[in-house]
């Protein structure tokens, strides 16, 4: 498999899983690639479409940084305390509890 980088983009674990599954049908993976695929299968919390939609919603409706939104979707925190850790040290030091509650409500809508 070619290791040439065609483009770089931040993606969710769910999106990585879909890409890796498609590639694994075409190519024989080495040990590292198999481990990455195994991780993506085990830890992706949502289907690819829902994960992408949720990232976009967090970015558009709550003005969450895209990288933060991806990490939130990858982990799907279940409490305000867990969610608050994604904003620690970022450009927003103090995030209003009301905003975090609203984000949690949206995450709950997407949980499986």
PDB file of N, CA and C in Angstrom:
ATOM      1  N   UNK A   1       0.840  -1.169   0.000  1.00  0.00           N
ATOM      2  CA  UNK A   1       0.000   0.000   0.000  1.00  0.00           C
ATOM      3  C   UNK A   1       0.886   1.233   0.000  1.00  0.00           C
ATOM      4  N   UNK A   2       0.539   2.193  -0.813  1.00  0.00           N
ATOM      5  CA  UNK A   2       1.319   3.425  -0.927  1.00  0.00           C
ATOM      6  C   UNK A   2       1.193   4.267   0.332  1.00  0.00           C
ATOM      7  N   UNK A   3       2.298   4.864   0.741  1.00  0.00           N
ATOM      8  CA  UNK A   3       2.274   5.699   1.946  1.00  0.00           C
ATOM      9  C   UNK A   3       2.271   7.187   1.589  1.00  0.00           C
ATOM     10  N   UNK A   4       1.934   7.508   0.366  1.00  0.00           N
ATOM     11  CA  UNK A   4       1.899   8.896  -0.075  1.00  0.00           C
ATOM     12  C   UNK A   4       0.683   9.607   0.528  1.00  0.00           C
ATOM     13  N   UNK A   5       0.915  10.767   1.142  1.00  0.00           N
ATOM     14  CA  UNK A   5      -0.160  11.540   1.740  1.00  0.00           C
ATOM     15  C   UNK A   5      -0.854  12.321   0.637  1.00  0.00           C
ATOM     16  N   UNK A   6      -2.151  12.106   0.513  1.00  0.00           N
ATOM     17  CA  UNK A   6      -2.908  12.802  -0.522  1.00  0.00           C
ATOM     18  C   UNK A   6      -3.569  14.055   0.023  1.00  0.00           C
ATOM     19  N   UNK A   7      -4.051  13.956   1.250  1.00  0.00           N
ATOM     20  CA  UNK A   7      -4.594  15.126   1.935  1.00  0.00           C
ATOM     21  C   UNK A   7      -4.655  14.819   3.425  1.00  0.00           C
ATOM     22  N   UNK A   8      -4.673  15.861   4.199  1.00  0.00           N
ATOM     23  CA  UNK A   8      -4.709  15.710   5.645  1.00  0.00           C
ATOM     24  C   UNK A   8      -5.993  16.337   6.167  1.00  0.00           C
ATOM     25  N   UNK A   9      -6.695  15.593   7.030  1.00  0.00           N
ATOM     26  CA  UNK A   9      -7.956  16.073   7.576  1.00  0.00           C
ATOM     27  C   UNK A   9      -8.190  15.403   8.928  1.00  0.00           C
ATOM     28  N   UNK A  10      -8.660  16.163   9.894  1.00  0.00           N
ATOM     29  CA  UNK A  10      -9.025  15.577  11.181  1.00  0.00           C
ATOM     30  C   UNK A  10     -10.341  14.838  11.013  1.00  0.00           C
ATOM     31  N   UNK A  11     -10.386  13.594  11.482  1.00  0.00           N
ATOM     32  CA  UNK A  11     -11.594  12.787  11.368  1.00  0.00           C
ATOM     33  C   UNK A  11     -11.880  12.074  12.681  1.00  0.00           C
ATOM     34  N   UNK A  12     -13.105  11.611  12.826  1.00  0.00           N
ATOM     35  CA  UNK A  12     -13.492  10.867  14.017  1.00  0.00           C
ATOM     36  C   UNK A  12     -12.981   9.427  13.922  1.00  0.00           C
ATOM     37  N   UNK A  13     -13.006   8.753  15.043  1.00  0.00           N
ATOM     38  CA  UNK A  13     -12.624   7.339  15.081  1.00  0.00           C
ATOM     39  C   UNK A  13     -13.566   6.531  14.193  1.00  0.00           C
ATOM     40  N   UNK A  14     -14.841   6.892  14.186  1.00  0.00           N
ATOM     41  CA  UNK A  14     -15.817   6.190  13.348  1.00  0.00           C
ATOM     42  C   UNK A  14     -15.474   6.320  11.861  1.00  0.00           C
ATOM     43  N   UNK A  15     -15.044   7.507  11.465  1.00  0.00           N
ATOM     44  CA  UNK A  15     -14.660   7.714  10.068  1.00  0.00           C
ATOM     45  C   UNK A  15     -13.388   6.938   9.743  1.00  0.00           C
ATOM     46  N   UNK A  16     -12.452   6.932  10.667  1.00  0.00           N
ATOM     47  CA  UNK A  16     -11.218   6.162  10.465  1.00  0.00           C
ATOM     48  C   UNK A  16     -11.534   4.683  10.322  1.00  0.00           C
ATOM     49  N   UNK A  17     -12.455   4.206  11.134  1.00  0.00           N
ATOM     50  CA  UNK A  17     -12.848   2.795  11.068  1.00  0.00           C
ATOM     51  C   UNK A  17     -13.367   2.439   9.677  1.00  0.00           C
ATOM     52  N   UNK A  18     -14.249   3.275   9.138  1.00  0.00           N
ATOM     53  CA  UNK A  18     -14.809   3.001   7.809  1.00  0.00           C
ATOM     54  C   UNK A  18     -13.716   2.994   6.734  1.00  0.00           C
ATOM     55  N   UNK A  19     -12.815   3.943   6.804  1.00  0.00           N
ATOM     56  CA  UNK A  19     -11.723   4.011   5.826  1.00  0.00           C
ATOM     57  C   UNK A  19     -10.843   2.775   5.930  1.00  0.00           C
ATOM     58  N   UNK A  20     -10.485   2.416   7.160  1.00  0.00           N
ATOM     59  CA  UNK A  20      -9.607   1.261   7.372  1.00  0.00           C
ATOM     60  C   UNK A  20     -10.279  -0.045   6.953  1.00  0.00           C
ATOM     61  N   UNK A  21     -11.579  -0.178   7.221  1.00  0.00           N
ATOM     62  CA  UNK A  21     -12.286  -1.392   6.797  1.00  0.00           C
ATOM     63  C   UNK A  21     -12.273  -1.535   5.278  1.00  0.00           C
ATOM     64  N   UNK A  22     -12.490  -0.429   4.565  1.00  0.00           N
ATOM     65  CA  UNK A  22     -12.451  -0.470   3.102  1.00  0.00           C
ATOM     66  C   UNK A  22     -11.051  -0.827   2.598  1.00  0.00           C
ATOM     67  N   UNK A  23     -10.038  -0.220   3.199  1.00  0.00           N
ATOM     68  CA  UNK A  23      -8.660  -0.505   2.786  1.00  0.00           C
ATOM     69  C   UNK A  23      -8.263  -1.944   3.099  1.00  0.00           C
ATOM     70  N   UNK A  24      -8.780  -2.478   4.211  1.00  0.00           N
ATOM     71  CA  UNK A  24      -8.411  -3.843   4.596  1.00  0.00           C
ATOM     72  C   UNK A  24      -8.968  -4.880   3.627  1.00  0.00           C
ATOM     73  N   UNK A  25     -10.004  -4.502   2.877  1.00  0.00           N
ATOM     74  CA  UNK A  25     -10.544  -5.397   1.855  1.00  0.00           C
ATOM     75  C   UNK A  25      -9.625  -5.466   0.639  1.00  0.00           C
ATOM     76  N   UNK A  26      -8.870  -4.405   0.394  1.00  0.00           N
ATOM     77  CA  UNK A  26      -8.002  -4.327  -0.783  1.00  0.00           C
ATOM     78  C   UNK A  26      -6.569  -4.740  -0.500  1.00  0.00           C
ATOM     79  N   UNK A  27      -6.101  -4.439   0.710  1.00  0.00           N
ATOM     80  CA  UNK A  27      -4.685  -4.610   1.023  1.00  0.00           C
ATOM     81  C   UNK A  27      -4.492  -5.489   2.247  1.00  0.00           C
ATOM     82  N   UNK A  28      -3.348  -6.115   2.289  1.00  0.00           N
ATOM     83  CA  UNK A  28      -2.956  -6.857   3.483  1.00  0.00           C
ATOM     84  C   UNK A  28      -2.317  -5.877   4.454  1.00  0.00           C
ATOM     85  N   UNK A  29      -2.876  -5.784   5.647  1.00  0.00           N
ATOM     86  CA  UNK A  29      -2.366  -4.853   6.643  1.00  0.00           C
ATOM     87  C   UNK A  29      -1.202  -5.453   7.402  1.00  0.00           C
ATOM     88  N   UNK A  30      -0.255  -4.579   7.763  1.00  0.00           N
ATOM     89  CA  UNK A  30       0.821  -5.033   8.647  1.00  0.00           C
ATOM     90  C   UNK A  30       0.302  -5.013  10.087  1.00  0.00           C
ATOM     91  N   UNK A  31       1.125  -5.394  11.018  1.00  0.00           N
ATOM     92  CA  UNK A  31       0.714  -5.514  12.411  1.00  0.00           C
ATOM     93  C   UNK A  31       0.190  -4.183  12.980  1.00  0.00           C
ATOM     94  N   UNK A  32       0.886  -3.102  12.694  1.00  0.00           N
ATOM     95  CA  UNK A  32       0.474  -1.793  13.196  1.00  0.00           C
ATOM     96  C   UNK A  32      -0.889  -1.398  12.629  1.00  0.00           C
ATOM     97  N   UNK A  33      -1.077  -1.584  11.343  1.00  0.00           N
ATOM     98  CA  UNK A  33      -2.346  -1.227  10.707  1.00  0.00           C
ATOM     99  C   UNK A  33      -3.496  -2.067  11.263  1.00  0.00           C
ATOM    100  N   UNK A  34      -3.245  -3.343  11.521  1.00  0.00           N
ATOM    101  CA  UNK A  34      -4.279  -4.196  12.120  1.00  0.00           C
ATOM    102  C   UNK A  34      -4.645  -3.717  13.523  1.00  0.00           C
ATOM    103  N   UNK A  35      -3.658  -3.283  14.286  1.00  0.00           N
ATOM    104  CA  UNK A  35      -3.928  -2.761  15.634  1.00  0.00           C
ATOM    105  C   UNK A  35      -4.755  -1.483  15.584  1.00  0.00           C
ATOM    106  N   UNK A  36      -4.436  -0.622  14.647  1.00  0.00           N
ATOM    107  CA  UNK A  36      -5.190   0.627  14.507  1.00  0.00           C
ATOM    108  C   UNK A  36      -6.632   0.313  14.114  1.00  0.00           C
ATOM    109  N   UNK A  37      -6.824  -0.614  13.191  1.00  0.00           N
ATOM    110  CA  UNK A  37      -8.170  -1.016  12.796  1.00  0.00           C
ATOM    111  C   UNK A  37      -8.916  -1.625  13.979  1.00  0.00           C
ATOM    112  N   UNK A  38      -8.255  -2.488  14.726  1.00  0.00           N
ATOM    113  CA  UNK A  38      -8.872  -3.109  15.900  1.00  0.00           C
ATOM    114  C   UNK A  38      -9.308  -2.045  16.901  1.00  0.00           C
ATOM    115  N   UNK A  39      -8.447  -1.072  17.141  1.00  0.00           N
ATOM    116  CA  UNK A  39      -8.780   0.034  18.049  1.00  0.00           C
ATOM    117  C   UNK A  39     -10.015   0.784  17.540  1.00  0.00           C
ATOM    118  N   UNK A  40     -10.020   1.129  16.269  1.00  0.00           N
ATOM    119  CA  UNK A  40     -11.131   1.894  15.698  1.00  0.00           C
ATOM    120  C   UNK A  40     -12.441   1.118  15.804  1.00  0.00           C
ATOM    121  N   UNK A  41     -12.401  -0.182  15.563  1.00  0.00           N
ATOM    122  CA  UNK A  41     -13.604  -1.008  15.662  1.00  0.00           C
ATOM    123  C   UNK A  41     -14.108  -1.042  17.106  1.00  0.00           C
ATOM    124  N   UNK A  42     -13.199  -1.221  18.042  1.00  0.00           N
ATOM    125  CA  UNK A  42     -13.585  -1.335  19.453  1.00  0.00           C
ATOM    126  C   UNK A  42     -14.079  -0.024  20.055  1.00  0.00           C
ATOM    127  N   UNK A  43     -13.496   1.092  19.639  1.00  0.00           N
ATOM    128  CA  UNK A  43     -13.746   2.338  20.347  1.00  0.00           C
ATOM    129  C   UNK A  43     -14.581   3.373  19.602  1.00  0.00           C
ATOM    130  N   UNK A  44     -14.981   3.100  18.392  1.00  0.00           N
ATOM    131  CA  UNK A  44     -15.857   4.077  17.736  1.00  0.00           C
ATOM    132  C   UNK A  44     -17.235   3.965  18.381  1.00  0.00           C
ATOM    133  N   UNK A  45     -17.784   5.100  18.754  1.00  0.00           N
ATOM    134  CA  UNK A  45     -19.018   5.149  19.537  1.00  0.00           C
ATOM    135  C   UNK A  45     -20.270   5.300  18.682  1.00  0.00           C
ATOM    136  N   UNK A  46     -20.105   5.766  17.451  1.00  0.00           N
ATOM    137  CA  UNK A  46     -21.237   6.041  16.577  1.00  0.00           C
ATOM    138  C   UNK A  46     -20.918   5.574  15.160  1.00  0.00           C
ATOM    139  N   UNK A  47     -21.949   5.370  14.343  1.00  0.00           N
ATOM    140  CA  UNK A  47     -21.695   5.155  12.912  1.00  0.00           C
ATOM    141  C   UNK A  47     -21.078   6.419  12.299  1.00  0.00           C
ATOM    142  N   UNK A  48     -20.347   6.252  11.219  1.00  0.00           N
ATOM    143  CA  UNK A  48     -19.633   7.351  10.572  1.00  0.00           C
ATOM    144  C   UNK A  48     -20.534   8.552  10.274  1.00  0.00           C
ATOM    145  N   UNK A  49     -21.712   8.308   9.702  1.00  0.00           N
ATOM    146  CA  UNK A  49     -22.593   9.404   9.313  1.00  0.00           C
ATOM    147  C   UNK A  49     -23.042  10.213  10.528  1.00  0.00           C
ATOM    148  N   UNK A  50     -23.417   9.510  11.591  1.00  0.00           N
ATOM    149  CA  UNK A  50     -23.866  10.203  12.801  1.00  0.00           C
ATOM    150  C   UNK A  50     -22.711  10.957  13.459  1.00  0.00           C
ATOM    151  N   UNK A  51     -21.530  10.367  13.439  1.00  0.00           N
ATOM    152  CA  UNK A  51     -20.367  11.028  14.037  1.00  0.00           C
ATOM    153  C   UNK A  51     -20.064  12.329  13.305  1.00  0.00           C
ATOM    154  N   UNK A  52     -20.052  12.296  11.990  1.00  0.00           N
ATOM    155  CA  UNK A  52     -19.778  13.495  11.187  1.00  0.00           C
ATOM    156  C   UNK A  52     -20.853  14.553  11.420  1.00  0.00           C
ATOM    157  N   UNK A  53     -22.110  14.120  11.445  1.00  0.00           N
ATOM    158  CA  UNK A  53     -23.227  15.036  11.676  1.00  0.00           C
ATOM    159  C   UNK A  53     -23.119  15.699  13.049  1.00  0.00           C
ATOM    160  N   UNK A  54     -22.761  14.918  14.060  1.00  0.00           N
ATOM    161  CA  UNK A  54     -22.637  15.447  15.411  1.00  0.00           C
ATOM    162  C   UNK A  54     -21.472  16.434  15.522  1.00  0.00           C
ATOM    163  N   UNK A  55     -20.360  16.132  14.892  1.00  0.00           N
ATOM    164  CA  UNK A  55     -19.227  17.074  14.884  1.00  0.00           C
ATOM    165  C   UNK A  55     -19.676  18.397  14.265  1.00  0.00           C
ATOM    166  N   UNK A  56     -20.332  18.325  13.129  1.00  0.00           N
ATOM    167  CA  UNK A  56     -20.798  19.544  12.461  1.00  0.00           C
ATOM    168  C   UNK A  56     -21.761  20.327  13.344  1.00  0.00           C
ATOM    169  N   UNK A  57     -22.648  19.615  14.054  1.00  0.00           N
ATOM    170  CA  UNK A  57     -23.608  20.273  14.934  1.00  0.00           C
ATOM    171  C   UNK A  57     -22.893  20.977  16.083  1.00  0.00           C
ATOM    172  N   UNK A  58     -21.905  20.321  16.682  1.00  0.00           N
ATOM    173  CA  UNK A  58     -21.155  20.940  17.777  1.00  0.00           C
ATOM    174  C   UNK A  58     -20.417  22.188  17.308  1.00  0.00           C
ATOM    175  N   UNK A  59     -19.863  22.120  16.110  1.00  0.00           N
ATOM    176  CA  UNK A  59     -19.129  23.262  15.552  1.00  0.00           C
ATOM    177  C   UNK A  59     -20.088  24.404  15.205  1.00  0.00           C
ATOM    178  N   UNK A  60     -21.180  24.084  14.528  1.00  0.00           N
ATOM    179  CA  UNK A  60     -22.100  25.115  14.049  1.00  0.00           C
ATOM    180  C   UNK A  60     -22.972  25.715  15.152  1.00  0.00           C
ATOM    181  N   UNK A  61     -23.552  24.863  15.989  1.00  0.00           N
ATOM    182  CA  UNK A  61     -24.511  25.351  16.981  1.00  0.00           C
ATOM    183  C   UNK A  61     -23.867  25.842  18.275  1.00  0.00           C
ATOM    184  N   UNK A  62     -22.737  25.240  18.643  1.00  0.00           N
ATOM    185  CA  UNK A  62     -22.130  25.579  19.926  1.00  0.00           C
ATOM    186  C   UNK A  62     -20.765  26.253  19.788  1.00  0.00           C
ATOM    187  N   UNK A  63     -20.339  26.472  18.546  1.00  0.00           N
ATOM    188  CA  UNK A  63     -19.064  27.127  18.251  1.00  0.00           C
ATOM    189  C   UNK A  63     -17.886  26.421  18.929  1.00  0.00           C
ATOM    190  N   UNK A  64     -17.958  25.102  18.963  1.00  0.00           N
ATOM    191  CA  UNK A  64     -16.864  24.292  19.492  1.00  0.00           C
ATOM    192  C   UNK A  64     -15.813  24.171  18.396  1.00  0.00           C
ATOM    193  N   UNK A  65     -14.558  24.282  18.761  1.00  0.00           N
ATOM    194  CA  UNK A  65     -13.462  24.095  17.818  1.00  0.00           C
ATOM    195  C   UNK A  65     -13.589  22.704  17.199  1.00  0.00           C
ATOM    196  N   UNK A  66     -13.327  22.578  15.904  1.00  0.00           N
ATOM    197  CA  UNK A  66     -13.511  21.301  15.201  1.00  0.00           C
ATOM    198  C   UNK A  66     -12.720  20.161  15.852  1.00  0.00           C
ATOM    199  N   UNK A  67     -11.468  20.416  16.229  1.00  0.00           N
ATOM    200  CA  UNK A  67     -10.661  19.362  16.860  1.00  0.00           C
ATOM    201  C   UNK A  67     -11.263  18.944  18.200  1.00  0.00           C
ATOM    202  N   UNK A  68     -11.747  19.916  18.971  1.00  0.00           N
ATOM    203  CA  UNK A  68     -12.409  19.599  20.233  1.00  0.00           C
ATOM    204  C   UNK A  68     -13.682  18.794  19.978  1.00  0.00           C
ATOM    205  N   UNK A  69     -14.452  19.195  18.970  1.00  0.00           N
ATOM    206  CA  UNK A  69     -15.694  18.501  18.642  1.00  0.00           C
ATOM    207  C   UNK A  69     -15.424  17.044  18.265  1.00  0.00           C
ATOM    208  N   UNK A  70     -14.364  16.815  17.509  1.00  0.00           N
ATOM    209  CA  UNK A  70     -14.005  15.447  17.115  1.00  0.00           C
ATOM    210  C   UNK A  70     -13.664  14.617  18.346  1.00  0.00           C
ATOM    211  N   UNK A  71     -12.899  15.193  19.253  1.00  0.00           N
ATOM    212  CA  UNK A  71     -12.535  14.454  20.465  1.00  0.00           C
ATOM    213  C   UNK A  71     -13.760  14.184  21.343  1.00  0.00           C
ATOM    214  N   UNK A  72     -14.660  15.141  21.415  1.00  0.00           N
ATOM    215  CA  UNK A  72     -15.894  14.945  22.175  1.00  0.00           C
ATOM    216  C   UNK A  72     -16.695  13.794  21.584  1.00  0.00           C
ATOM    217  N   UNK A  73     -16.837  13.777  20.273  1.00  0.00           N
ATOM    218  CA  UNK A  73     -17.588  12.705  19.606  1.00  0.00           C
ATOM    219  C   UNK A  73     -16.872  11.371  19.773  1.00  0.00           C
ATOM    220  N   UNK A  74     -15.566  11.364  19.725  1.00  0.00           N
ATOM    221  CA  UNK A  74     -14.822  10.114  19.910  1.00  0.00           C
ATOM    222  C   UNK A  74     -15.056   9.522  21.298  1.00  0.00           C
ATOM    223  N   UNK A  75     -15.196  10.383  22.294  1.00  0.00           N
ATOM    224  CA  UNK A  75     -15.322   9.911  23.684  1.00  0.00           C
ATOM    225  C   UNK A  75     -16.758   9.873  24.195  1.00  0.00           C
ATOM    226  N   UNK A  76     -17.621  10.697  23.630  1.00  0.00           N
ATOM    227  CA  UNK A  76     -19.023  10.783  24.044  1.00  0.00           C
ATOM    228  C   UNK A  76     -19.171  10.871  25.562  1.00  0.00           C
ATOM    229  N   UNK A  77     -18.638  11.933  26.170  1.00  0.00           N
ATOM    230  CA  UNK A  77     -18.721  12.083  27.633  1.00  0.00           C
ATOM    231  C   UNK A  77     -20.173  12.080  28.105  1.00  0.00           C
ATOM    232  N   UNK A  78     -20.368  11.608  29.337  1.00  0.00           N
ATOM    233  CA  UNK A  78     -21.717  11.461  29.877  1.00  0.00           C
ATOM    234  C   UNK A  78     -22.029  12.413  31.024  1.00  0.00           C
ATOM    235  N   UNK A  79     -21.076  13.227  31.416  1.00  0.00           N
ATOM    236  CA  UNK A  79     -21.313  14.170  32.515  1.00  0.00           C
ATOM    237  C   UNK A  79     -20.667  15.517  32.187  1.00  0.00           C
ATOM    238  N   UNK A  80     -21.106  16.520  32.906  1.00  0.00           N
ATOM    239  CA  UNK A  80     -20.534  17.851  32.725  1.00  0.00           C
ATOM    240  C   UNK A  80     -19.051  17.839  33.063  1.00  0.00           C
ATOM    241  N   UNK A  81     -18.692  17.110  34.122  1.00  0.00           N
ATOM    242  CA  UNK A  81     -17.284  17.041  34.528  1.00  0.00           C
ATOM    243  C   UNK A  81     -16.425  16.428  33.421  1.00  0.00           C
ATOM    244  N   UNK A  82     -16.916  15.346  32.830  1.00  0.00           N
ATOM    245  CA  UNK A  82     -16.170  14.723  31.728  1.00  0.00           C
ATOM    246  C   UNK A  82     -16.079  15.673  30.543  1.00  0.00           C
ATOM    247  N   UNK A  83     -17.175  16.316  30.214  1.00  0.00           N
ATOM    248  CA  UNK A  83     -17.211  17.227  29.068  1.00  0.00           C
ATOM    249  C   UNK A  83     -16.300  18.429  29.287  1.00  0.00           C
ATOM    250  N   UNK A  84     -16.263  18.929  30.494  1.00  0.00           N
ATOM    251  CA  UNK A  84     -15.446  20.106  30.802  1.00  0.00           C
ATOM    252  C   UNK A  84     -13.962  19.863  30.493  1.00  0.00           C
ATOM    253  N   UNK A  85     -13.489  18.627  30.620  1.00  0.00           N
ATOM    254  CA  UNK A  85     -12.071  18.332  30.375  1.00  0.00           C
ATOM    255  C   UNK A  85     -11.657  18.624  28.934  1.00  0.00           C
ATOM    256  N   UNK A  86     -12.594  18.599  28.022  1.00  0.00           N
ATOM    257  CA  UNK A  86     -12.262  18.856  26.620  1.00  0.00           C
ATOM    258  C   UNK A  86     -11.998  20.331  26.348  1.00  0.00           C
ATOM    259  N   UNK A  87     -12.419  21.179  27.269  1.00  0.00           N
ATOM    260  CA  UNK A  87     -12.232  22.609  27.107  1.00  0.00           C
ATOM    261  C   UNK A  87     -11.118  23.154  27.989  1.00  0.00           C
ATOM    262  N   UNK A  88     -10.569  22.340  28.849  1.00  0.00           N
ATOM    263  CA  UNK A  88      -9.512  22.793  29.763  1.00  0.00           C
ATOM    264  C   UNK A  88      -8.260  23.159  28.971  1.00  0.00           C
ATOM    265  N   UNK A  89      -7.758  24.340  29.211  1.00  0.00           N
ATOM    266  CA  UNK A  89      -6.519  24.752  28.564  1.00  0.00           C
ATOM    267  C   UNK A  89      -6.672  25.267  27.151  1.00  0.00           C
ATOM    268  N   UNK A  90      -7.875  25.230  26.607  1.00  0.00           N
ATOM    269  CA  UNK A  90      -8.097  25.725  25.252  1.00  0.00           C
ATOM    270  C   UNK A  90      -8.311  27.222  25.245  1.00  0.00           C
ATOM    271  N   UNK A  91      -8.820  27.714  24.155  1.00  0.00           N
ATOM    272  CA  UNK A  91      -9.057  29.152  24.045  1.00  0.00           C
ATOM    273  C   UNK A  91     -10.163  29.611  24.985  1.00  0.00           C
ATOM    274  N   UNK A  92     -11.050  28.693  25.353  1.00  0.00           N
ATOM    275  CA  UNK A  92     -12.108  28.990  26.314  1.00  0.00           C
ATOM    276  C   UNK A  92     -11.731  28.357  27.647  1.00  0.00           C
ATOM    277  N   UNK A  93     -11.317  29.115  28.583  1.00  0.00           N
ATOM    278  CA  UNK A  93     -10.936  28.566  29.888  1.00  0.00           C
ATOM    279  C   UNK A  93     -12.170  28.280  30.741  1.00  0.00           C
ATOM    280  N   UNK A  94     -13.142  29.185  30.724  1.00  0.00           N
ATOM    281  CA  UNK A  94     -14.347  28.997  31.523  1.00  0.00           C
ATOM    282  C   UNK A  94     -15.521  28.817  30.564  1.00  0.00           C
ATOM    283  N   UNK A  95     -16.114  27.638  30.617  1.00  0.00           N
ATOM    284  CA  UNK A  95     -17.258  27.339  29.763  1.00  0.00           C
ATOM    285  C   UNK A  95     -18.491  27.305  30.655  1.00  0.00           C
ATOM    286  N   UNK A  96     -19.502  28.094  30.325  1.00  0.00           N
ATOM    287  CA  UNK A  96     -20.697  28.127  31.167  1.00  0.00           C
ATOM    288  C   UNK A  96     -21.345  26.742  31.291  1.00  0.00           C
ATOM    289  N   UNK A  97     -21.800  26.423  32.490  1.00  0.00           N
ATOM    290  CA  UNK A  97     -22.430  25.125  32.754  1.00  0.00           C
ATOM    291  C   UNK A  97     -23.649  24.926  31.859  1.00  0.00           C
ATOM    292  N   UNK A  98     -24.379  25.977  31.602  1.00  0.00           N
ATOM    293  CA  UNK A  98     -25.566  25.877  30.738  1.00  0.00           C
ATOM    294  C   UNK A  98     -25.192  25.390  29.334  1.00  0.00           C
ATOM    295  N   UNK A  99     -24.086  25.900  28.809  1.00  0.00           N
ATOM    296  CA  UNK A  99     -23.616  25.457  27.500  1.00  0.00           C
ATOM    297  C   UNK A  99     -23.255  23.970  27.538  1.00  0.00           C
ATOM    298  N   UNK A 100     -22.559  23.554  28.586  1.00  0.00           N
ATOM    299  CA  UNK A 100     -22.187  22.144  28.718  1.00  0.00           C
ATOM    300  C   UNK A 100     -23.424  21.258  28.828  1.00  0.00           C
ATOM    301  N   UNK A 101     -24.427  21.707  29.557  1.00  0.00           N
ATOM    302  CA  UNK A 101     -25.679  20.946  29.679  1.00  0.00           C
ATOM    303  C   UNK A 101     -26.351  20.792  28.321  1.00  0.00           C
ATOM    304  N   UNK A 102     -26.348  21.878  27.542  1.00  0.00           N
ATOM    305  CA  UNK A 102     -26.949  21.824  26.200  1.00  0.00           C
ATOM    306  C   UNK A 102     -26.184  20.873  25.293  1.00  0.00           C
ATOM    307  N   UNK A 103     -24.867  20.900  25.369  1.00  0.00           N
ATOM    308  CA  UNK A 103     -24.053  19.974  24.564  1.00  0.00           C
ATOM    309  C   UNK A 103     -24.350  18.540  24.986  1.00  0.00           C
ATOM    310  N   UNK A 104     -24.445  18.286  26.287  1.00  0.00           N
ATOM    311  CA  UNK A 104     -24.750  16.926  26.765  1.00  0.00           C
ATOM    312  C   UNK A 104     -26.103  16.457  26.259  1.00  0.00           C
ATOM    313  N   UNK A 105     -27.083  17.339  26.210  1.00  0.00           N
ATOM    314  CA  UNK A 105     -28.407  16.965  25.683  1.00  0.00           C
ATOM    315  C   UNK A 105     -28.296  16.493  24.227  1.00  0.00           C
ATOM    316  N   UNK A 106     -27.501  17.217  23.452  1.00  0.00           N
ATOM    317  CA  UNK A 106     -27.313  16.832  22.050  1.00  0.00           C
ATOM    318  C   UNK A 106     -26.578  15.495  21.963  1.00  0.00           C
ATOM    319  N   UNK A 107     -25.545  15.329  22.775  1.00  0.00           N
ATOM    320  CA  UNK A 107     -24.820  14.042  22.778  1.00  0.00           C
ATOM    321  C   UNK A 107     -25.764  12.912  23.133  1.00  0.00           C
ATOM    322  N   UNK A 108     -26.653  13.126  24.096  1.00  0.00           N
ATOM    323  CA  UNK A 108     -27.620  12.088  24.499  1.00  0.00           C
ATOM    324  C   UNK A 108     -28.545  11.699  23.346  1.00  0.00           C
ATOM    325  N   UNK A 109     -28.876  12.664  22.504  1.00  0.00           N
ATOM    326  CA  UNK A 109     -29.721  12.366  21.349  1.00  0.00           C
ATOM    327  C   UNK A 109     -29.043  11.415  20.359  1.00  0.00           C
ATOM    328  N   UNK A 110     -27.726  11.437  20.327  1.00  0.00           N
ATOM    329  CA  UNK A 110     -26.963  10.632  19.372  1.00  0.00           C
ATOM    330  C   UNK A 110     -26.473   9.307  19.947  1.00  0.00           C
ATOM    331  N   UNK A 111     -26.547   9.147  21.258  1.00  0.00           N
ATOM    332  CA  UNK A 111     -26.040   7.910  21.875  1.00  0.00           C
ATOM    333  C   UNK A 111     -26.787   6.689  21.388  1.00  0.00           C
ATOM    334  N   UNK A 112     -26.053   5.592  21.274  1.00  0.00           N
ATOM    335  CA  UNK A 112     -26.682   4.323  20.860  1.00  0.00           C
ATOM    336  C   UNK A 112     -26.863   3.419  22.035  1.00  0.00           C
TER     337      UNK A 112
END
